N, C-alpha and C. Protein backbone atom coordinates (compact mmCIF):
# COMPACT_ATOMS: atom_id res chain seq x y z
N MET A 1 3.70 16.64 -8.95
CA MET A 1 2.46 16.90 -8.68
C MET A 1 1.47 15.62 -8.09
N LEU A 2 1.50 14.70 -8.92
CA LEU A 2 0.61 13.28 -8.99
C LEU A 2 1.85 12.43 -8.11
N VAL A 3 2.79 12.52 -8.35
CA VAL A 3 3.46 11.57 -6.85
C VAL A 3 3.77 11.78 -5.75
N ARG A 4 3.79 13.21 -5.46
CA ARG A 4 3.42 13.96 -4.17
C ARG A 4 2.19 13.73 -3.56
N LEU A 5 0.88 13.74 -4.03
CA LEU A 5 -0.13 12.89 -3.92
C LEU A 5 -0.46 11.31 -3.67
N ALA A 6 0.05 11.29 -4.46
CA ALA A 6 0.23 9.36 -4.21
C ALA A 6 0.80 9.67 -3.43
N SER A 7 1.73 10.48 -2.82
CA SER A 7 2.78 9.66 -1.54
C SER A 7 2.12 9.93 -0.38
N ILE A 8 1.85 11.47 -0.49
CA ILE A 8 1.22 10.95 1.38
C ILE A 8 -0.12 10.59 0.64
N GLY A 9 -1.19 10.19 0.27
CA GLY A 9 -1.94 9.36 -0.13
C GLY A 9 -1.94 8.37 0.42
N LEU A 10 -0.57 7.43 -0.06
CA LEU A 10 0.20 6.06 0.64
C LEU A 10 0.41 6.00 2.15
N ARG A 11 0.50 7.02 2.20
CA ARG A 11 1.22 6.78 3.87
C ARG A 11 -0.23 7.47 4.74
N LEU A 12 -1.03 8.20 3.21
CA LEU A 12 -2.16 8.62 5.23
C LEU A 12 -3.39 7.52 5.05
N PHE A 13 -3.23 6.53 3.77
CA PHE A 13 -3.91 5.27 3.56
C PHE A 13 -3.68 4.55 4.33
N PHE A 14 -2.82 4.04 4.01
CA PHE A 14 -1.96 3.43 5.49
C PHE A 14 -2.15 3.37 6.89
N LEU A 15 -2.18 4.71 7.40
CA LEU A 15 -2.37 4.45 8.95
C LEU A 15 -3.15 4.41 9.19
N ILE A 16 -4.44 5.36 8.25
CA ILE A 16 -6.04 4.76 8.68
C ILE A 16 -6.68 3.63 8.86
N ASN A 17 -5.57 2.41 7.58
CA ASN A 17 -5.92 1.44 8.14
C ASN A 17 -5.63 0.21 9.02
N ILE A 18 -4.36 0.11 9.47
CA ILE A 18 -3.12 -0.05 10.16
C ILE A 18 -4.05 0.57 11.70
N VAL A 19 -5.02 1.96 11.78
CA VAL A 19 -5.60 1.54 12.77
C VAL A 19 -6.84 0.86 12.62
N LEU A 20 -7.45 1.11 12.07
CA LEU A 20 -9.06 0.38 11.95
C LEU A 20 -8.50 -0.90 11.98
N GLY A 21 -7.61 -1.62 11.06
CA GLY A 21 -6.96 -2.95 11.15
C GLY A 21 -7.10 -3.64 12.52
N ILE A 22 -5.87 -2.44 13.17
CA ILE A 22 -5.47 -2.99 14.92
C ILE A 22 -7.07 -2.68 15.87
N LEU A 23 -7.63 -1.88 15.58
CA LEU A 23 -8.82 -1.59 16.39
C LEU A 23 -10.09 -3.05 16.00
N PHE A 24 -10.57 -3.49 15.26
CA PHE A 24 -10.30 -4.71 14.77
C PHE A 24 -10.06 -5.81 15.38
N TRP A 25 -9.20 -6.06 15.45
CA TRP A 25 -8.30 -7.11 16.40
C TRP A 25 -8.54 -7.18 17.20
N ILE A 26 -8.55 -5.77 17.93
CA ILE A 26 -7.77 -5.86 19.86
C ILE A 26 -9.47 -6.16 19.85
N GLY A 27 -10.33 -5.65 18.93
CA GLY A 27 -12.07 -5.77 19.81
C GLY A 27 -12.36 -4.20 19.87
N THR A 28 -11.82 -3.32 19.99
CA THR A 28 -12.11 -1.80 20.85
C THR A 28 -13.36 -1.70 19.32
N VAL A 29 -12.90 -1.82 17.80
CA VAL A 29 -13.97 -1.55 17.25
C VAL A 29 -14.94 -2.64 16.61
N LYS A 30 -15.90 -2.13 16.86
CA LYS A 30 -17.38 -3.96 16.52
C LYS A 30 -17.76 -3.80 14.84
N VAL A 31 -16.83 -4.73 14.42
CA VAL A 31 -16.48 -5.10 12.63
C VAL A 31 -17.93 -4.80 12.22
N THR A 32 -18.51 -3.89 11.26
CA THR A 32 -20.21 -3.52 11.33
C THR A 32 -19.51 -3.89 9.26
N PRO A 33 -20.21 -4.06 8.90
CA PRO A 33 -20.47 -4.30 7.43
C PRO A 33 -20.09 -2.48 7.12
N GLY A 34 -20.44 -1.54 7.34
CA GLY A 34 -20.26 0.19 7.09
C GLY A 34 -18.87 0.15 7.22
N ILE A 35 -18.13 -0.04 8.65
CA ILE A 35 -17.04 0.31 8.85
C ILE A 35 -16.19 -0.40 8.17
N GLU A 36 -16.31 -1.96 7.72
CA GLU A 36 -15.41 -3.26 7.25
C GLU A 36 -15.17 -2.52 5.17
N ARG A 37 -16.75 -1.23 5.07
CA ARG A 37 -16.44 -1.43 3.93
C ARG A 37 -15.33 -0.08 3.63
N VAL A 38 -15.33 0.58 4.58
CA VAL A 38 -14.10 2.27 4.79
C VAL A 38 -13.28 1.12 4.87
N HIS A 39 -12.59 -0.11 5.76
CA HIS A 39 -11.93 -0.16 5.29
C HIS A 39 -10.79 -0.74 3.91
N ILE A 40 -11.92 -1.66 3.62
CA ILE A 40 -11.76 -2.28 2.00
C ILE A 40 -11.52 -1.24 1.18
N VAL A 41 -12.11 0.35 0.67
CA VAL A 41 -11.96 1.26 0.49
C VAL A 41 -10.77 1.63 0.32
N VAL A 42 -10.26 2.28 1.33
CA VAL A 42 -9.08 2.86 1.92
C VAL A 42 -8.39 2.31 1.67
N GLY A 43 -8.27 0.42 1.60
CA GLY A 43 -7.02 -0.12 0.97
C GLY A 43 -6.96 -0.36 -0.67
N VAL A 44 -8.16 -0.17 -1.18
CA VAL A 44 -8.15 0.04 -2.97
C VAL A 44 -7.18 0.98 -2.93
N LEU A 45 -7.89 2.36 -2.95
CA LEU A 45 -6.89 3.35 -2.49
C LEU A 45 -5.41 3.42 -2.21
N PHE A 46 -5.24 2.99 -1.38
CA PHE A 46 -3.51 2.40 -1.00
C PHE A 46 -3.34 1.87 -2.01
N VAL A 47 -3.85 0.79 -2.51
CA VAL A 47 -3.01 -0.42 -3.49
C VAL A 47 -2.97 0.81 -4.89
N ILE A 48 -3.88 1.28 -5.22
CA ILE A 48 -3.48 2.50 -6.58
C ILE A 48 -2.90 3.23 -5.89
N CYS A 49 -2.45 3.78 -5.16
CA CYS A 49 -1.61 4.37 -4.73
C CYS A 49 0.12 4.09 -5.12
N LEU A 50 -0.23 2.84 -4.40
CA LEU A 50 1.44 2.12 -4.65
C LEU A 50 1.54 1.95 -6.03
N TRP A 51 0.66 0.96 -6.56
CA TRP A 51 0.63 1.08 -8.25
C TRP A 51 0.88 1.63 -8.80
N TYR A 52 0.40 3.24 -8.45
CA TYR A 52 0.99 4.43 -9.59
C TYR A 52 2.22 4.53 -9.49
N LEU A 53 2.94 4.67 -7.54
CA LEU A 53 4.00 4.73 -7.91
C LEU A 53 5.33 3.75 -7.67
N GLY A 54 4.55 2.93 -8.62
CA GLY A 54 5.72 1.19 -9.17
C GLY A 54 5.77 1.95 -10.74
N VAL A 55 4.78 2.36 -11.07
CA VAL A 55 4.71 2.60 -12.75
C VAL A 55 5.63 3.44 -13.02
N VAL A 56 5.39 5.21 -11.93
CA VAL A 56 6.36 6.19 -12.17
C VAL A 56 7.31 5.32 -12.07
N GLN A 57 8.10 5.20 -11.30
CA GLN A 57 9.60 5.03 -11.21
C GLN A 57 10.01 3.92 -12.20
N ALA A 58 9.11 2.85 -12.46
CA ALA A 58 9.71 2.45 -13.73
C ALA A 58 10.38 3.50 -15.07
N VAL A 59 8.78 3.91 -15.07
CA VAL A 59 8.44 4.97 -16.55
C VAL A 59 10.15 6.14 -16.30
N ARG A 60 10.12 5.88 -15.36
CA ARG A 60 11.16 7.04 -15.35
C ARG A 60 13.03 6.50 -14.79
N GLY A 61 12.47 5.45 -15.38
CA GLY A 61 14.04 4.29 -15.50
C GLY A 61 14.63 4.28 -14.17
N GLY A 62 13.55 3.57 -13.68
CA GLY A 62 13.71 3.14 -12.30
C GLY A 62 13.84 2.05 -12.58
N PRO A 63 14.22 0.81 -11.74
CA PRO A 63 14.54 -0.92 -12.16
C PRO A 63 12.46 -1.80 -11.88
N ILE A 64 12.78 -2.22 -13.05
CA ILE A 64 11.57 -3.00 -13.42
C ILE A 64 11.28 -3.50 -11.75
N TRP A 65 12.54 -4.74 -11.41
CA TRP A 65 12.53 -5.56 -10.34
C TRP A 65 11.23 -4.20 -8.68
N LEU A 66 11.60 -3.57 -9.12
CA LEU A 66 10.48 -2.41 -7.99
C LEU A 66 9.13 -1.96 -8.72
N ASN A 67 8.83 -2.38 -9.47
CA ASN A 67 7.93 -1.90 -10.30
C ASN A 67 7.10 -3.27 -10.07
N LEU A 68 7.65 -4.50 -9.96
CA LEU A 68 7.35 -5.94 -9.97
C LEU A 68 6.77 -6.14 -8.55
N LEU A 69 7.70 -5.84 -7.49
CA LEU A 69 7.33 -5.93 -6.36
C LEU A 69 6.08 -4.97 -5.88
N THR A 70 6.06 -3.66 -6.10
CA THR A 70 4.71 -3.24 -5.78
C THR A 70 3.63 -3.57 -6.82
N PHE A 71 3.79 -4.07 -7.93
CA PHE A 71 1.98 -4.99 -8.65
C PHE A 71 2.38 -6.05 -7.57
N LEU A 72 2.91 -6.98 -7.27
CA LEU A 72 2.48 -8.18 -6.51
C LEU A 72 2.63 -8.80 -4.94
N LEU A 73 3.08 -7.14 -4.46
CA LEU A 73 2.71 -6.63 -2.77
C LEU A 73 1.06 -5.95 -2.60
N GLY A 74 0.82 -5.59 -3.12
CA GLY A 74 -0.26 -4.98 -3.95
C GLY A 74 -1.07 -5.74 -4.44
N LEU A 75 -1.05 -6.53 -4.99
CA LEU A 75 -2.20 -7.43 -5.62
C LEU A 75 -2.24 -8.89 -4.28
N ALA A 76 -0.63 -9.22 -3.62
CA ALA A 76 -0.85 -10.35 -2.51
C ALA A 76 -1.60 -9.56 -1.32
N LEU A 77 -2.14 -8.03 -1.48
CA LEU A 77 -2.38 -7.40 -0.04
C LEU A 77 -3.91 -7.34 -0.28
N ALA A 78 -4.71 -7.18 -1.43
CA ALA A 78 -5.59 -7.20 -1.59
C ALA A 78 -6.68 -8.70 -1.34
N ILE A 79 -5.81 -9.60 -1.89
CA ILE A 79 -6.18 -10.87 -2.44
C ILE A 79 -6.56 -11.37 -0.90
N VAL A 80 -4.83 -11.31 0.10
CA VAL A 80 -4.99 -11.84 1.11
C VAL A 80 -6.33 -11.15 2.30
N GLY A 81 -6.59 -9.52 1.44
CA GLY A 81 -7.98 -8.55 2.42
C GLY A 81 -8.75 -9.89 2.25
N ILE A 82 -9.17 -9.69 1.03
CA ILE A 82 -10.35 -10.02 0.53
C ILE A 82 -10.57 -11.78 0.83
N ALA A 83 -9.76 -12.39 1.05
CA ALA A 83 -9.41 -13.86 1.59
C ALA A 83 -10.10 -14.31 2.91
N GLN A 84 -9.40 -13.41 3.93
CA GLN A 84 -9.62 -12.82 5.28
C GLN A 84 -10.86 -13.90 5.78
N GLU A 85 -12.14 -13.29 4.95
CA GLU A 85 -13.85 -13.73 5.16
C GLU A 85 -13.89 -15.35 5.29
N SER A 86 -13.11 -15.99 3.33
CA SER A 86 -13.87 -16.58 3.24
C SER A 86 -12.66 -17.96 4.18
N ILE A 87 -11.58 -18.14 4.34
CA ILE A 87 -10.53 -18.45 4.92
C ILE A 87 -11.07 -18.62 6.58
N GLY A 88 -11.22 -17.04 6.62
CA GLY A 88 -11.93 -17.19 8.53
C GLY A 88 -9.94 -15.99 8.76
N LEU A 89 -10.76 -15.15 10.13
CA LEU A 89 -10.37 -14.03 10.87
C LEU A 89 -8.59 -14.83 11.94
N THR A 90 -8.01 -15.72 11.36
CA THR A 90 -7.35 -16.26 12.37
C THR A 90 -6.15 -15.44 12.16
N THR A 91 -4.90 -15.45 13.04
CA THR A 91 -4.24 -14.96 13.54
C THR A 91 -3.32 -14.97 12.31
N LEU A 92 -3.06 -15.84 12.41
CA LEU A 92 -2.23 -16.27 10.79
C LEU A 92 -2.19 -14.76 9.86
N ILE A 93 -3.40 -15.34 9.70
CA ILE A 93 -4.06 -14.30 8.46
C ILE A 93 -3.58 -12.89 8.42
N ARG A 94 -4.18 -12.49 9.97
CA ARG A 94 -4.29 -10.70 10.14
C ARG A 94 -2.89 -11.10 10.43
N ILE A 95 -2.03 -11.45 10.45
CA ILE A 95 -0.33 -11.34 10.86
C ILE A 95 0.46 -11.48 9.40
N ILE A 96 0.10 -12.39 8.53
CA ILE A 96 0.24 -12.17 6.89
C ILE A 96 -0.27 -10.60 6.43
N HIS A 97 -1.54 -10.33 6.77
CA HIS A 97 -1.63 -9.19 6.49
C HIS A 97 -1.30 -7.89 6.30
N LEU A 98 -1.37 -7.91 7.65
CA LEU A 98 -0.27 -6.52 8.42
C LEU A 98 1.01 -6.81 7.80
N ALA A 99 1.93 -7.65 7.43
CA ALA A 99 2.89 -8.08 7.01
C ALA A 99 3.40 -7.21 5.32
N LEU A 100 2.04 -7.98 5.29
CA LEU A 100 2.10 -7.62 3.35
C LEU A 100 1.77 -6.00 2.95
N ALA A 101 1.09 -5.54 4.38
CA ALA A 101 0.39 -3.68 4.84
C ALA A 101 2.23 -3.21 4.37
N ILE A 102 2.88 -3.42 5.82
CA ILE A 102 4.03 -2.77 6.65
C ILE A 102 5.59 -3.00 4.49
N LEU A 103 5.31 -4.51 3.89
CA LEU A 103 6.02 -4.20 3.57
C LEU A 103 5.86 -3.14 1.43
N ALA A 104 4.52 -3.23 1.71
CA ALA A 104 3.67 -2.49 0.10
C ALA A 104 4.18 -1.27 0.73
N VAL A 105 4.02 -0.61 2.03
CA VAL A 105 4.47 0.85 2.25
C VAL A 105 6.15 1.37 1.72
N GLY A 106 6.71 0.29 2.83
CA GLY A 106 7.97 0.48 2.23
C GLY A 106 8.31 0.46 0.95
N SER A 107 7.92 -0.32 0.09
CA SER A 107 8.19 -0.60 -1.53
C SER A 107 7.72 0.64 -2.02
N GLY A 108 6.61 1.38 -1.59
CA GLY A 108 5.87 2.75 -2.01
C GLY A 108 7.01 3.70 -1.99
N GLU A 109 7.50 3.42 -0.64
CA GLU A 109 8.69 4.72 -0.59
C GLU A 109 9.92 4.40 -0.96
N MET A 110 10.46 3.42 -0.75
CA MET A 110 11.62 3.06 -2.04
C MET A 110 11.20 3.59 -3.48
N ALA A 111 9.93 3.33 -4.41
CA ALA A 111 9.80 4.02 -5.16
C ALA A 111 9.23 6.02 -5.71
N VAL A 112 9.02 5.92 -4.22
CA VAL A 112 9.04 8.03 -4.12
C VAL A 112 10.56 8.60 -4.03
N ALA A 113 11.35 7.20 -3.16
CA ALA A 113 13.11 7.81 -3.05
C ALA A 113 13.67 7.48 -4.66
N ARG A 114 13.21 7.08 -5.23
CA ARG A 114 13.62 6.73 -7.01
C ARG A 114 13.09 7.59 -7.56
N ILE A 115 12.02 7.48 -7.99
CA ILE A 115 11.44 8.99 -8.76
C ILE A 115 12.11 10.55 -7.94
N ARG A 116 12.21 10.45 -6.97
CA ARG A 116 12.67 11.75 -6.61
C ARG A 116 14.26 12.00 -7.06
N ARG A 117 15.41 10.69 -6.31
CA ARG A 117 16.57 10.73 -7.30
C ARG A 117 16.65 10.83 -8.88
N GLY A 118 15.82 10.17 -9.59
CA GLY A 118 15.61 10.71 -11.09
C GLY A 118 15.75 11.65 -11.31
N GLY A 119 14.69 12.69 -10.17
CA GLY A 119 14.48 14.07 -10.93
C GLY A 119 15.87 14.67 -10.71
N ALA A 120 16.22 14.76 -9.59
CA ALA A 120 17.19 15.66 -9.36
C ALA A 120 18.82 15.62 -9.73
N ARG A 121 18.49 14.44 -11.14
CA ARG A 121 19.53 13.91 -12.07
C ARG A 121 19.27 14.21 -12.80
N ALA A 122 17.72 14.47 -13.44
CA ALA A 122 17.58 15.19 -14.65
C ALA A 122 17.64 16.40 -14.48
N ALA A 123 17.47 17.28 -13.54
CA ALA A 123 18.09 18.41 -13.12
C ALA A 123 19.28 19.32 -13.36
N LYS A 124 20.06 18.52 -11.99
CA LYS A 124 21.80 18.67 -12.27
C LYS A 124 21.94 18.71 -13.37
N ALA A 125 21.07 18.01 -14.64
CA ALA A 125 21.96 17.54 -16.02
C ALA A 125 22.06 18.64 -16.49
N ALA A 126 20.50 19.16 -16.46
CA ALA A 126 20.53 20.54 -17.35
C ALA A 126 20.73 21.67 -16.97
């Protein structure tokens, strides 16, 4: 049940932050401290879901490299996101942040697939 919630949360938080990020980027939405905090909080929730899914798949016998990938991508996404203000919002930093988010959601989906496949194997064996 928690895996399903984390999977749904991962997708939902990704979608919310992609839309917000693009609206910030193209200037449709003015970046205020309040809306920026929403983006950050949703991003933190995204990373928590990502890390949870990575750990669960590893605990259930999945490959450790996928656990490490989810951890490193979540960490890099958070670091680049937080560092954007101090580095400056250059186009390159925004593209890197977007690419990390896309890679992170992909690795999260890989973890969910591994979890589901492992569960199907266990059910067939029983």
